[in-house]
Amino acid sequence: MSNEMLILIGVVSVIALLTLMIKGKVHPFIALGVVSIAVSLSAGIPMTEVIPTLVKGMGGTLGGVALIVGLGAMLGKIV
């Protein structure tokens, strides 16, 4: 797939995400899931790889955020 097409998919996905959350009043986690699945399918990822890819990506991101939140909570308790 060409770079221009991937950039177009990225721009459309951001617009779709904002539209779902602002106009559609959809919960951000649900909107991210729906848009992520749509982007992965439109980018050409095989159907059997979509969910494992999303779990791996979200798991890595949430793991890093959880560490920062946990350390921030401990620091807040100390202060």
N, C-alpha and C. Protein backbone atom coordinates (compact mmCIF):
# COMPACT_ATOMS: atom_id res chain seq x y z
N MET A 1 0.86 -1.18 0.00
CA MET A 1 0.00 0.00 0.00
C MET A 1 0.90 1.24 0.00
N SER A 2 0.51 2.26 -0.72
CA SER A 2 1.33 3.46 -0.87
C SER A 2 1.29 4.33 0.39
N ASN A 3 2.31 5.15 0.51
CA ASN A 3 2.39 6.06 1.66
C ASN A 3 1.24 7.06 1.68
N GLU A 4 0.87 7.53 0.50
CA GLU A 4 -0.22 8.50 0.41
C GLU A 4 -1.54 7.91 0.90
N MET A 5 -1.76 6.65 0.56
CA MET A 5 -3.00 5.99 0.98
C MET A 5 -3.01 5.81 2.50
N LEU A 6 -1.87 5.43 3.08
CA LEU A 6 -1.80 5.26 4.54
C LEU A 6 -2.01 6.59 5.27
N ILE A 7 -1.45 7.66 4.71
CA ILE A 7 -1.67 8.99 5.31
C ILE A 7 -3.14 9.37 5.22
N LEU A 8 -3.76 9.10 4.09
CA LEU A 8 -5.19 9.39 3.92
C LEU A 8 -6.02 8.58 4.92
N ILE A 9 -5.68 7.32 5.11
CA ILE A 9 -6.40 6.49 6.09
C ILE A 9 -6.23 7.07 7.49
N GLY A 10 -5.02 7.53 7.81
CA GLY A 10 -4.78 8.14 9.12
C GLY A 10 -5.60 9.40 9.35
N VAL A 11 -5.66 10.26 8.35
CA VAL A 11 -6.42 11.51 8.46
C VAL A 11 -7.91 11.21 8.61
N VAL A 12 -8.41 10.29 7.79
CA VAL A 12 -9.83 9.93 7.86
C VAL A 12 -10.15 9.29 9.21
N SER A 13 -9.22 8.50 9.74
CA SER A 13 -9.48 7.85 11.03
C SER A 13 -9.54 8.87 12.17
N VAL A 14 -8.71 9.90 12.13
CA VAL A 14 -8.77 10.94 13.16
C VAL A 14 -10.10 11.69 13.07
N ILE A 15 -10.52 12.00 11.86
CA ILE A 15 -11.80 12.69 11.68
C ILE A 15 -12.95 11.80 12.17
N ALA A 16 -12.90 10.51 11.82
CA ALA A 16 -13.95 9.59 12.27
C ALA A 16 -13.97 9.47 13.79
N LEU A 17 -12.79 9.41 14.39
CA LEU A 17 -12.71 9.30 15.85
C LEU A 17 -13.30 10.52 16.53
N LEU A 18 -12.93 11.70 16.06
CA LEU A 18 -13.48 12.92 16.64
C LEU A 18 -14.99 13.02 16.43
N THR A 19 -15.45 12.62 15.25
CA THR A 19 -16.88 12.67 14.97
C THR A 19 -17.65 11.73 15.88
N LEU A 20 -17.13 10.52 16.06
CA LEU A 20 -17.81 9.56 16.94
C LEU A 20 -17.90 10.09 18.37
N MET A 21 -16.81 10.68 18.86
CA MET A 21 -16.80 11.12 20.26
C MET A 21 -17.56 12.42 20.47
N ILE A 22 -17.41 13.37 19.56
CA ILE A 22 -18.03 14.68 19.78
C ILE A 22 -19.50 14.69 19.34
N LYS A 23 -19.74 14.30 18.11
CA LYS A 23 -21.11 14.35 17.58
C LYS A 23 -21.94 13.15 18.01
N GLY A 24 -21.31 11.97 18.02
CA GLY A 24 -22.04 10.75 18.34
C GLY A 24 -22.14 10.44 19.82
N LYS A 25 -21.37 11.16 20.66
CA LYS A 25 -21.36 10.96 22.11
C LYS A 25 -21.03 9.50 22.48
N VAL A 26 -20.14 8.87 21.69
CA VAL A 26 -19.72 7.50 21.96
C VAL A 26 -18.56 7.55 22.95
N HIS A 27 -18.51 6.60 23.87
CA HIS A 27 -17.44 6.54 24.85
C HIS A 27 -16.10 6.43 24.11
N PRO A 28 -15.08 7.17 24.55
CA PRO A 28 -13.79 7.18 23.84
C PRO A 28 -13.16 5.80 23.65
N PHE A 29 -13.28 4.91 24.63
CA PHE A 29 -12.69 3.58 24.51
C PHE A 29 -13.37 2.79 23.40
N ILE A 30 -14.69 2.87 23.32
CA ILE A 30 -15.44 2.19 22.27
C ILE A 30 -15.10 2.79 20.91
N ALA A 31 -15.03 4.12 20.84
CA ALA A 31 -14.71 4.79 19.57
C ALA A 31 -13.31 4.40 19.10
N LEU A 32 -12.34 4.34 20.02
CA LEU A 32 -10.98 3.93 19.65
C LEU A 32 -10.97 2.51 19.13
N GLY A 33 -11.72 1.63 19.74
CA GLY A 33 -11.78 0.25 19.30
C GLY A 33 -12.36 0.11 17.91
N VAL A 34 -13.47 0.80 17.68
CA VAL A 34 -14.14 0.72 16.38
C VAL A 34 -13.25 1.30 15.28
N VAL A 35 -12.67 2.46 15.53
CA VAL A 35 -11.82 3.10 14.52
C VAL A 35 -10.55 2.28 14.30
N SER A 36 -10.00 1.70 15.36
CA SER A 36 -8.80 0.87 15.21
C SER A 36 -9.06 -0.34 14.34
N ILE A 37 -10.18 -0.99 14.54
CA ILE A 37 -10.52 -2.14 13.71
C ILE A 37 -10.73 -1.71 12.26
N ALA A 38 -11.40 -0.59 12.06
CA ALA A 38 -11.63 -0.10 10.69
C ALA A 38 -10.31 0.26 10.00
N VAL A 39 -9.40 0.90 10.73
CA VAL A 39 -8.11 1.27 10.15
C VAL A 39 -7.29 0.04 9.81
N SER A 40 -7.27 -0.94 10.70
CA SER A 40 -6.48 -2.14 10.44
C SER A 40 -7.01 -2.90 9.23
N LEU A 41 -8.31 -2.98 9.08
CA LEU A 41 -8.88 -3.66 7.92
C LEU A 41 -8.63 -2.88 6.63
N SER A 42 -8.75 -1.55 6.70
CA SER A 42 -8.54 -0.76 5.49
C SER A 42 -7.06 -0.67 5.12
N ALA A 43 -6.16 -0.89 6.07
CA ALA A 43 -4.73 -0.88 5.79
C ALA A 43 -4.25 -2.21 5.23
N GLY A 44 -5.11 -3.20 5.21
CA GLY A 44 -4.76 -4.47 4.58
C GLY A 44 -4.28 -5.55 5.52
N ILE A 45 -4.48 -5.38 6.82
CA ILE A 45 -4.10 -6.42 7.77
C ILE A 45 -5.13 -7.56 7.65
N PRO A 46 -4.67 -8.81 7.56
CA PRO A 46 -5.63 -9.92 7.44
C PRO A 46 -6.55 -10.01 8.66
N MET A 47 -7.77 -10.47 8.44
CA MET A 47 -8.79 -10.54 9.48
C MET A 47 -8.30 -11.34 10.70
N THR A 48 -7.51 -12.39 10.45
CA THR A 48 -7.04 -13.22 11.57
C THR A 48 -5.99 -12.51 12.42
N GLU A 49 -5.39 -11.44 11.91
CA GLU A 49 -4.35 -10.72 12.65
C GLU A 49 -4.85 -9.44 13.31
N VAL A 50 -6.10 -9.06 13.04
CA VAL A 50 -6.60 -7.77 13.53
C VAL A 50 -6.66 -7.74 15.06
N ILE A 51 -7.34 -8.67 15.67
CA ILE A 51 -7.51 -8.65 17.12
C ILE A 51 -6.19 -8.85 17.87
N PRO A 52 -5.33 -9.82 17.48
CA PRO A 52 -4.04 -9.92 18.17
C PRO A 52 -3.19 -8.65 18.06
N THR A 53 -3.25 -7.99 16.92
CA THR A 53 -2.50 -6.74 16.75
C THR A 53 -3.05 -5.66 17.67
N LEU A 54 -4.37 -5.54 17.77
CA LEU A 54 -4.98 -4.54 18.64
C LEU A 54 -4.67 -4.81 20.11
N VAL A 55 -4.74 -6.08 20.50
CA VAL A 55 -4.45 -6.43 21.90
C VAL A 55 -3.00 -6.11 22.24
N LYS A 56 -2.11 -6.43 21.33
CA LYS A 56 -0.68 -6.16 21.56
C LYS A 56 -0.43 -4.65 21.66
N GLY A 57 -1.02 -3.89 20.75
CA GLY A 57 -0.82 -2.44 20.75
C GLY A 57 -1.43 -1.75 21.96
N MET A 58 -2.68 -2.09 22.27
CA MET A 58 -3.34 -1.47 23.42
C MET A 58 -2.72 -1.92 24.73
N GLY A 59 -2.31 -3.17 24.79
CA GLY A 59 -1.67 -3.68 26.01
C GLY A 59 -0.38 -2.97 26.32
N GLY A 60 0.42 -2.73 25.30
CA GLY A 60 1.68 -2.00 25.50
C GLY A 60 1.44 -0.57 25.94
N THR A 61 0.47 0.08 25.33
CA THR A 61 0.17 1.47 25.68
C THR A 61 -0.41 1.56 27.08
N LEU A 62 -1.37 0.71 27.40
CA LEU A 62 -1.99 0.76 28.73
C LEU A 62 -1.00 0.37 29.82
N GLY A 63 -0.06 -0.54 29.50
CA GLY A 63 0.96 -0.91 30.48
C GLY A 63 1.84 0.27 30.84
N GLY A 64 2.24 1.05 29.85
CA GLY A 64 3.07 2.23 30.10
C GLY A 64 2.31 3.30 30.87
N VAL A 65 1.05 3.51 30.55
CA VAL A 65 0.24 4.51 31.23
C VAL A 65 -0.02 4.09 32.67
N ALA A 66 -0.27 2.81 32.89
CA ALA A 66 -0.53 2.32 34.25
C ALA A 66 0.67 2.55 35.15
N LEU A 67 1.86 2.37 34.62
CA LEU A 67 3.07 2.61 35.41
C LEU A 67 3.17 4.07 35.82
N ILE A 68 2.91 4.97 34.89
CA ILE A 68 2.99 6.41 35.19
C ILE A 68 1.91 6.81 36.20
N VAL A 69 0.71 6.30 36.05
CA VAL A 69 -0.38 6.62 36.97
C VAL A 69 -0.06 6.08 38.37
N GLY A 70 0.44 4.86 38.43
CA GLY A 70 0.80 4.27 39.73
C GLY A 70 1.89 5.05 40.44
N LEU A 71 2.93 5.41 39.73
CA LEU A 71 4.00 6.21 40.34
C LEU A 71 3.51 7.59 40.74
N GLY A 72 2.63 8.19 39.93
CA GLY A 72 2.07 9.49 40.28
C GLY A 72 1.20 9.41 41.53
N ALA A 73 0.45 8.33 41.70
CA ALA A 73 -0.38 8.15 42.89
C ALA A 73 0.48 7.99 44.13
N MET A 74 1.57 7.24 44.01
CA MET A 74 2.47 7.09 45.16
C MET A 74 3.13 8.41 45.53
N LEU A 75 3.57 9.16 44.53
CA LEU A 75 4.17 10.46 44.80
C LEU A 75 3.16 11.42 45.42
N GLY A 76 1.92 11.37 44.93
CA GLY A 76 0.86 12.23 45.50
C GLY A 76 0.57 11.87 46.95
N LYS A 77 0.63 10.59 47.28
CA LYS A 77 0.39 10.16 48.66
C LYS A 77 1.51 10.64 49.58
N ILE A 78 2.75 10.60 49.07
CA ILE A 78 3.89 11.04 49.87
C ILE A 78 3.80 12.55 50.13
N VAL A 79 3.42 13.31 49.13
CA VAL A 79 3.34 14.77 49.27
C VAL A 79 2.12 15.10 50.09
